[in-house]
PDB file of N, CA and C in Angstrom:
ATOM      1  N   MET A   1     -56.357-169.453  92.008  1.00  0.00           N
ATOM      2  CA  MET A   1     -56.505-168.818  90.928  1.00  0.00           C
ATOM      3  C   MET A   1     -55.701-167.185  91.895  1.00  0.00           C
ATOM      4  N   LYS A   2     -54.593-166.900  91.689  1.00  0.00           N
ATOM      5  CA  LYS A   2     -54.001-165.445  91.734  1.00  0.00           C
ATOM      6  C   LYS A   2     -54.380-164.814  90.898  1.00  0.00           C
ATOM      7  N   THR A   3     -54.992-163.473  91.427  1.00  0.00           N
ATOM      8  CA  THR A   3     -56.548-162.497  90.373  1.00  0.00           C
ATOM      9  C   THR A   3     -55.484-161.333  91.505  1.00  0.00           C
ATOM     10  N   THR A   4     -55.294-160.243  90.534  1.00  0.00           N
ATOM     11  CA  THR A   4     -54.949-158.661  91.081  1.00  0.00           C
ATOM     12  C   THR A   4     -56.215-158.058  90.838  1.00  0.00           C
ATOM     13  N   LEU A   5     -57.118-157.326  91.840  1.00  0.00           N
ATOM     14  CA  LEU A   5     -57.811-157.045  91.453  1.00  0.00           C
ATOM     15  C   LEU A   5     -58.035-155.071  92.337  1.00  0.00           C
ATOM     16  N   ASP A   6     -58.577-154.543  91.719  1.00  0.00           N
ATOM     17  CA  ASP A   6     -58.395-153.014  92.026  1.00  0.00           C
ATOM     18  C   ASP A   6     -59.883-152.737  92.895  1.00  0.00           C
ATOM     19  N   LEU A   7     -60.429-153.166  94.043  1.00  0.00           N
ATOM     20  CA  LEU A   7     -61.064-152.793  94.914  1.00  0.00           C
ATOM     21  C   LEU A   7     -60.690-151.433  96.122  1.00  0.00           C
ATOM     22  N   PRO A   8     -62.312-150.950  95.872  1.00  0.00           N
ATOM     23  CA  PRO A   8     -62.511-149.559  96.734  1.00  0.00           C
ATOM     24  C   PRO A   8     -61.910-150.062  98.108  1.00  0.00           C
ATOM     25  N   ASP A   9     -61.001-149.234  98.271  1.00  0.00           N
ATOM     26  CA  ASP A   9     -60.651-149.483 100.502  1.00  0.00           C
ATOM     27  C   ASP A   9     -61.832-149.202 100.904  1.00  0.00           C
ATOM     28  N   GLU A  10     -62.810-148.709 100.950  1.00  0.00           N
ATOM     29  CA  GLU A  10     -63.385-148.094 102.065  1.00  0.00           C
ATOM     30  C   GLU A  10     -64.785-149.480 101.620  1.00  0.00           C
ATOM     31  N   LEU A  11     -64.853-149.693 100.656  1.00  0.00           N
ATOM     32  CA  LEU A  11     -65.968-151.116 100.556  1.00  0.00           C
ATOM     33  C   LEU A  11     -64.975-152.062 101.117  1.00  0.00           C
ATOM     34  N   MET A  12     -63.863-152.135 100.910  1.00  0.00           N
ATOM     35  CA  MET A  12     -62.822-153.507 101.448  1.00  0.00           C
ATOM     36  C   MET A  12     -63.238-153.475 102.831  1.00  0.00           C
ATOM     37  N   THR A  13     -62.531-151.922 103.373  1.00  0.00           N
ATOM     38  CA  THR A  13     -62.462-152.178 105.141  1.00  0.00           C
ATOM     39  C   THR A  13     -63.831-152.430 105.477  1.00  0.00           C
ATOM     40  N   GLU A  14     -65.001-151.952 105.019  1.00  0.00           N
ATOM     41  CA  GLU A  14     -66.759-152.134 105.856  1.00  0.00           C
ATOM     42  C   GLU A  14     -66.542-153.701 105.924  1.00  0.00           C
ATOM     43  N   ALA A  15     -65.994-153.672 104.546  1.00  0.00           N
ATOM     44  CA  ALA A  15     -66.697-155.777 104.309  1.00  0.00           C
ATOM     45  C   ALA A  15     -65.735-156.648 105.729  1.00  0.00           C
ATOM     46  N   MET A  16     -64.850-155.901 105.485  1.00  0.00           N
ATOM     47  CA  MET A  16     -63.417-156.554 106.578  1.00  0.00           C
ATOM     48  C   MET A  16     -64.199-156.666 108.173  1.00  0.00           C
ATOM     49  N   GLN A  17     -64.616-155.138 108.425  1.00  0.00           N
ATOM     50  CA  GLN A  17     -65.311-154.800 109.481  1.00  0.00           C
ATOM     51  C   GLN A  17     -66.603-155.907 109.268  1.00  0.00           C
ATOM     52  N   LEU A  18     -67.843-155.820 108.832  1.00  0.00           N
ATOM     53  CA  LEU A  18     -68.758-156.839 109.169  1.00  0.00           C
ATOM     54  C   LEU A  18     -68.174-158.240 109.347  1.00  0.00           C
ATOM     55  N   THR A  19     -67.382-158.659 108.409  1.00  0.00           N
ATOM     56  CA  THR A  19     -67.543-160.192 108.699  1.00  0.00           C
ATOM     57  C   THR A  19     -66.283-160.371 109.629  1.00  0.00           C
ATOM     58  N   LYS A  20     -65.669-159.825 110.493  1.00  0.00           N
ATOM     59  CA  LYS A  20     -64.740-159.634 110.829  1.00  0.00           C
ATOM     60  C   LYS A  20     -63.407-160.761 110.031  1.00  0.00           C
ATOM     61  N   PHE A  21     -63.086-160.645 109.018  1.00  0.00           N
ATOM     62  CA  PHE A  21     -62.033-161.390 108.688  1.00  0.00           C
ATOM     63  C   PHE A  21     -60.993-160.664 108.021  1.00  0.00           C
ATOM     64  N   LYS A  22     -59.717-161.516 108.257  1.00  0.00           N
ATOM     65  CA  LYS A  22     -58.601-160.666 108.541  1.00  0.00           C
ATOM     66  C   LYS A  22     -58.021-160.760 107.121  1.00  0.00           C
ATOM     67  N   THR A  23     -58.464-161.526 106.011  1.00  0.00           N
ATOM     68  CA  THR A  23     -57.778-160.775 104.963  1.00  0.00           C
ATOM     69  C   THR A  23     -58.676-161.124 103.456  1.00  0.00           C
ATOM     70  N   ASN A  24     -58.464-159.923 102.416  1.00  0.00           N
ATOM     71  CA  ASN A  24     -59.014-159.284 101.796  1.00  0.00           C
ATOM     72  C   ASN A  24     -59.891-160.629 101.141  1.00  0.00           C
ATOM     73  N   ALA A  25     -58.478-161.261 100.637  1.00  0.00           N
ATOM     74  CA  ALA A  25     -59.028-162.485  99.979  1.00  0.00           C
ATOM     75  C   ALA A  25     -60.192-163.577 100.435  1.00  0.00           C
ATOM     76  N   GLN A  26     -60.591-163.722 101.684  1.00  0.00           N
ATOM     77  CA  GLN A  26     -61.383-164.413 103.030  1.00  0.00           C
ATOM     78  C   GLN A  26     -63.127-163.465 102.027  1.00  0.00           C
ATOM     79  N   VAL A  27     -62.655-162.294 101.965  1.00  0.00           N
ATOM     80  CA  VAL A  27     -64.505-161.119 101.799  1.00  0.00           C
ATOM     81  C   VAL A  27     -64.751-161.338 100.439  1.00  0.00           C
ATOM     82  N   VAL A  28     -63.500-161.355  99.724  1.00  0.00           N
ATOM     83  CA  VAL A  28     -64.090-161.886  97.660  1.00  0.00           C
ATOM     84  C   VAL A  28     -64.348-163.221  98.285  1.00  0.00           C
ATOM     85  N   ILE A  29     -63.630-164.408  98.418  1.00  0.00           N
ATOM     86  CA  ILE A  29     -63.988-165.852  98.761  1.00  0.00           C
ATOM     87  C   ILE A  29     -65.692-165.321  98.934  1.00  0.00           C
ATOM     88  N   LEU A  30     -66.071-165.143 100.135  1.00  0.00           N
ATOM     89  CA  LEU A  30     -67.359-164.777 100.695  1.00  0.00           C
ATOM     90  C   LEU A  30     -68.216-164.337  99.175  1.00  0.00           C
ATOM     91  N   ALA A  31     -67.965-163.067  99.134  1.00  0.00           N
ATOM     92  CA  ALA A  31     -68.822-162.363  98.411  1.00  0.00           C
ATOM     93  C   ALA A  31     -69.015-163.078  97.218  1.00  0.00           C
ATOM     94  N   LEU A  32     -68.610-163.526  96.621  1.00  0.00           N
ATOM     95  CA  LEU A  32     -68.449-164.584  95.246  1.00  0.00           C
ATOM     96  C   LEU A  32     -69.649-165.847  95.895  1.00  0.00           C
ATOM     97  N   GLN A  33     -69.184-166.359  97.076  1.00  0.00           N
ATOM     98  CA  GLN A  33     -69.646-167.536  97.423  1.00  0.00           C
ATOM     99  C   GLN A  33     -71.428-167.412  97.423  1.00  0.00           C
ATOM    100  N   GLU A  34     -71.493-165.894  98.608  1.00  0.00           N
ATOM    101  CA  GLU A  34     -73.531-165.208  98.065  1.00  0.00           C
ATOM    102  C   GLU A  34     -73.575-165.394  96.680  1.00  0.00           C
ATOM    103  N   PHE A  35     -73.005-164.448  96.382  1.00  0.00           N
ATOM    104  CA  PHE A  35     -73.506-164.102  95.009  1.00  0.00           C
ATOM    105  C   PHE A  35     -74.028-165.985  93.927  1.00  0.00           C
ATOM    106  N   VAL A  36     -73.400-166.542  94.057  1.00  0.00           N
ATOM    107  CA  VAL A  36     -74.009-167.802  93.384  1.00  0.00           C
ATOM    108  C   VAL A  36     -74.761-168.067  93.977  1.00  0.00           C
ATOM    109  N   LYS A  37     -74.784-168.559  95.440  1.00  0.00           N
ATOM    110  CA  LYS A  37     -75.615-169.065  96.130  1.00  0.00           C
ATOM    111  C   LYS A  37     -77.426-168.376  95.866  1.00  0.00           C
ATOM    112  N   LYS A  38     -77.187-166.678  95.905  1.00  0.00           N
ATOM    113  CA  LYS A  38     -78.206-166.211  95.777  1.00  0.00           C
ATOM    114  C   LYS A  38     -78.964-166.196  93.940  1.00  0.00           C
ATOM    115  N   ASN A  39     -77.658-166.462  92.981  1.00  0.00           N
ATOM    116  CA  ASN A  39     -78.252-166.882  91.640  1.00  0.00           C
ATOM    117  C   ASN A  39     -78.523-168.055  91.446  1.00  0.00           C
ATOM    118  N   LYS A  40     -78.322-169.115  92.226  1.00  0.00           N
ATOM    119  CA  LYS A  40     -78.933-170.245  92.041  1.00  0.00           C
ATOM    120  C   LYS A  40     -80.410-170.462  92.735  1.00  0.00           C
ATOM    121  N   VAL A  41     -80.408-169.690  93.740  1.00  0.00           N
ATOM    122  CA  VAL A  41     -81.907-169.672  94.416  1.00  0.00           C
ATOM    123  C   VAL A  41     -82.604-168.946  93.034  1.00  0.00           C
ATOM    124  N   ALA A  42     -82.409-168.220  92.619  1.00  0.00           N
ATOM    125  CA  ALA A  42     -83.212-167.500  91.420  1.00  0.00           C
ATOM    126  C   ALA A  42     -83.708-167.568  90.716  1.00  0.00           C
ATOM    127  N   GLY A  43     -82.583-168.976  90.404  1.00  0.00           N
ATOM    128  CA  GLY A  43     -82.821-170.053  89.203  1.00  0.00           C
ATOM    129  C   GLY A  43     -83.842-171.036  89.621  1.00  0.00           C
ATOM    130  N   LEU A  44     -84.194-171.253  90.776  1.00  0.00           N
ATOM    131  CA  LEU A  44     -85.127-172.542  91.378  1.00  0.00           C
ATOM    132  C   LEU A  44     -86.381-171.882  91.788  1.00  0.00           C
ATOM    133  N   LYS A  45     -85.896-170.442  91.839  1.00  0.00           N
ATOM    134  CA  LYS A  45     -87.881-170.097  91.780  1.00  0.00           C
ATOM    135  C   LYS A  45     -88.430-169.613  90.652  1.00  0.00           C
ATOM    136  N   ALA A  46     -87.629-169.449  89.749  1.00  0.00           N
ATOM    137  CA  ALA A  46     -87.968-169.206  88.238  1.00  0.00           C
ATOM    138  C   ALA A  46     -89.082-170.923  88.138  1.00  0.00           C
ATOM    139  N   TYR A  47     -89.091-171.722  89.024  1.00  0.00           N
ATOM    140  CA  TYR A  47     -90.230-172.911  88.890  1.00  0.00           C
ATOM    141  C   TYR A  47     -90.940-173.052  90.220  1.00  0.00           C
ATOM    142  N   LYS A  48     -91.268-172.301  90.394  1.00  0.00           N
ATOM    143  CA  LYS A  48     -92.159-172.434  91.516  1.00  0.00           C
ATOM    144  C   LYS A  48     -93.611-171.864  90.899  1.00  0.00           C
ATOM    145  N   ASP A  49     -94.443-172.759  91.284  1.00  0.00           N
ATOM    146  CA  ASP A  49     -96.051-173.106  90.747  1.00  0.00           C
ATOM    147  C   ASP A  49     -95.973-174.312  89.337  1.00  0.00           C
ATOM    148  N   LYS A  50     -94.786-173.897  88.735  1.00  0.00           N
ATOM    149  CA  LYS A  50     -94.798-174.946  87.377  1.00  0.00           C
ATOM    150  C   LYS A  50     -94.436-176.865  87.453  1.00  0.00           C
ATOM    151  N   VAL A  51     -93.982-176.676  88.661  1.00  0.00           N
ATOM    152  CA  VAL A  51     -93.510-178.181  88.886  1.00  0.00           C
ATOM    153  C   VAL A  51     -94.177-178.856  89.968  1.00  0.00           C
ATOM    154  N   ASP A  52     -94.954-179.811  89.907  1.00  0.00           N
ATOM    155  CA  ASP A  52     -96.060-180.341  90.415  1.00  0.00           C
ATOM    156  C   ASP A  52     -94.958-182.093  91.780  1.00  0.00           C
ATOM    157  N   PHE A  53     -94.780-181.337  92.427  1.00  0.00           N
ATOM    158  CA  PHE A  53     -93.968-182.291  93.643  1.00  0.00           C
ATOM    159  C   PHE A  53     -94.997-182.803  94.350  1.00  0.00           C
ATOM    160  N   ASP A  54     -95.880-183.773  94.268  1.00  0.00           N
ATOM    161  CA  ASP A  54     -96.737-184.571  95.630  1.00  0.00           C
ATOM    162  C   ASP A  54     -95.895-185.717  95.662  1.00  0.00           C
ATOM    163  N   VAL A  55     -95.678-185.499  96.959  1.00  0.00           N
ATOM    164  CA  VAL A  55     -94.474-186.610  97.699  1.00  0.00           C
ATOM    165  C   VAL A  55     -95.613-187.226  98.945  1.00  0.00           C
ATOM    166  N   SER A  56     -95.548-188.900  98.880  1.00  0.00           N
ATOM    167  CA  SER A  56     -96.749-189.549  99.673  1.00  0.00           C
ATOM    168  C   SER A  56     -95.627-190.241 100.256  1.00  0.00           C
ATOM    169  N   ILE A  57     -95.600-190.565 101.366  1.00  0.00           N
ATOM    170  CA  ILE A  57     -94.883-191.457 102.303  1.00  0.00           C
ATOM    171  C   ILE A  57     -95.635-191.928 103.488  1.00  0.00           C
ATOM    172  N   HIS A  58     -95.163-193.651 102.922  1.00  0.00           N
ATOM    173  CA  HIS A  58     -96.204-194.750 103.921  1.00  0.00           C
ATOM    174  C   HIS A  58     -94.920-194.729 104.648  1.00  0.00           C
ATOM    175  N   LEU A  59     -95.499-195.321 105.584  1.00  0.00           N
ATOM    176  CA  LEU A  59     -94.671-196.025 106.468  1.00  0.00           C
ATOM    177  C   LEU A  59     -95.385-196.901 107.671  1.00  0.00           C
ATOM    178  N   PRO A  60     -94.399-198.054 107.317  1.00  0.00           N
ATOM    179  CA  PRO A  60     -95.152-199.258 108.320  1.00  0.00           C
ATOM    180  C   PRO A  60     -95.724-199.066 109.957  1.00  0.00           C
ATOM    181  N   LEU A  61     -96.330-199.292 110.364  1.00  0.00           N
ATOM    182  CA  LEU A  61     -96.691-198.912 111.447  1.00  0.00           C
ATOM    183  C   LEU A  61     -95.977-200.395 112.905  1.00  0.00           C
TER     184      LEU A  61
END
């Protein structure tokens, strides 16, 4: 998807230096991926101590 964004130059420059990426698109893609991952993890944390997950594995000797 092609999108035009007005991003702060200083923020983009700092992000590119930290990531060593060469394009703005790479930085934005990484930021979006991290945002999605963070929110998925937060959603899973809502189930902490609410799900009884007992797994017993019996392996033959």
